[in-house]
Structure formats: C-alpha cells, structure tokens
C-alpha cells in the first residue's frame, strides 16, 4: 500500500474489544426479565451489528415486537453506565497506533455507534485526543455502508480518499471503504460469525491480528 496518510478504524470489533461490556449489559437485561445468561460467544458475533442485532439475539424477537424497543433502550441504558469496564484495545493495537503516529501518519475512527456512546468511550480509553477524526453513526446524514462518513473522516484528517486505509470487521465496512475509494482490510480478529464470508467482500487484504497491519503500513 503506497502513499498512505491516514488509517481509519471501525470501533467495535476492530479497534477495541467492546463485546465483554455489551454482553454483560445484555445479560443484565435478561436477568431483569427472568432469563438465564446467554453464552458470551453467542453475543460476540452480533456486536458489530449494533443494539438492534444484540437485542434480537438476546430476546429472540424482531424489531416489530411490542417489547423490542423497551428492551433495546434498557440494554443501552445499562451499557452507557458501564462503557469501559472490560473494554480494551485489541492486543497489539496500542503498538499499531504508536507506529502510525511515529511514522508521521494519523488515524481516526469511523463507526455506526451513536456519538453519545462513541465519544465517552474513546474519552475513557484515552484515545480522544490522539484520533485525527471521530465519526459516529449520527455524525453525518448517512451511515456505513454509505461512503459519506468515511469521506468526512478524510476531510477532517486532511487526506484524500486514495491516501486512506479503512480497517473493519463487517461487510458494511468494506463496502463503505470501497464506495469511498479507499483501500480496505478485513479485521479477522473481530466479531465475524460463522455465516460471514469475508473472503467474498472484495477487500484489499485480510489480517488475523493488529500486528499484521504493521506490514501493510
């Protein structure tokens, strides 16, 4: 990959391992509803798809169920109060960020997570001041897989799309990056389910660990 100025990351399942706190929040809601906890691995693969997917798997109901929105809001309420209990950068990601910064490049976050969760989470992780841009699901008019959030990130980071690499763990991430004219990588260490086929997403490459990103940079 040549002429890279900016590395952009999806948040959940790519930059940070947020699944433990989201799984804990879901199981707390299940406990309130008199239900046993779900296995962590069952929840983990849904985390990249947001609160709707997590609520759906947690209560085996669709969005049109009369109780769905109440349960989803309760999930987010508990999660907001416990954003960064077990959430950490994926192992090796701290060195990747340091490498990017020491190489004279910059990095940012583009996520579909709403800003009222993204901003305090990155603040608590000590990353807010280091990121060149933070684009949440409600920052722009459109969300991934639309290219608008990524193009806005480019603008804030001071780079052209062709100078950016977007790393994500869901098909929408790769579609958004390609739609924006960026190079893309699949984070195979993220929240990819058995039904996913990342080799068919059309990314420029796939990495099994954050350290492998260093080779691309």
Foldseek 3Di string as FASTA:
>chain_A
DPQAFEEEEADDFTFKPQLVLLLVLLQVLCVVVVHHRDDSLQQFLQVQVDLQSNLCSSPVDHPPPPCSVVSSVSSVVSCQVVVVPPMDTFPPSVVVQVVCVVVNHAYAYAYQADPSNVVVNCVVRVNPVRHLDYHYNPNDPHHFVAQVSVCVSCVSRVHQLQNYEYEEADLRRLSNSVNRVHAYEHAPSGSHDPPDDVVPSPHPYYDPGSVVVVVVD
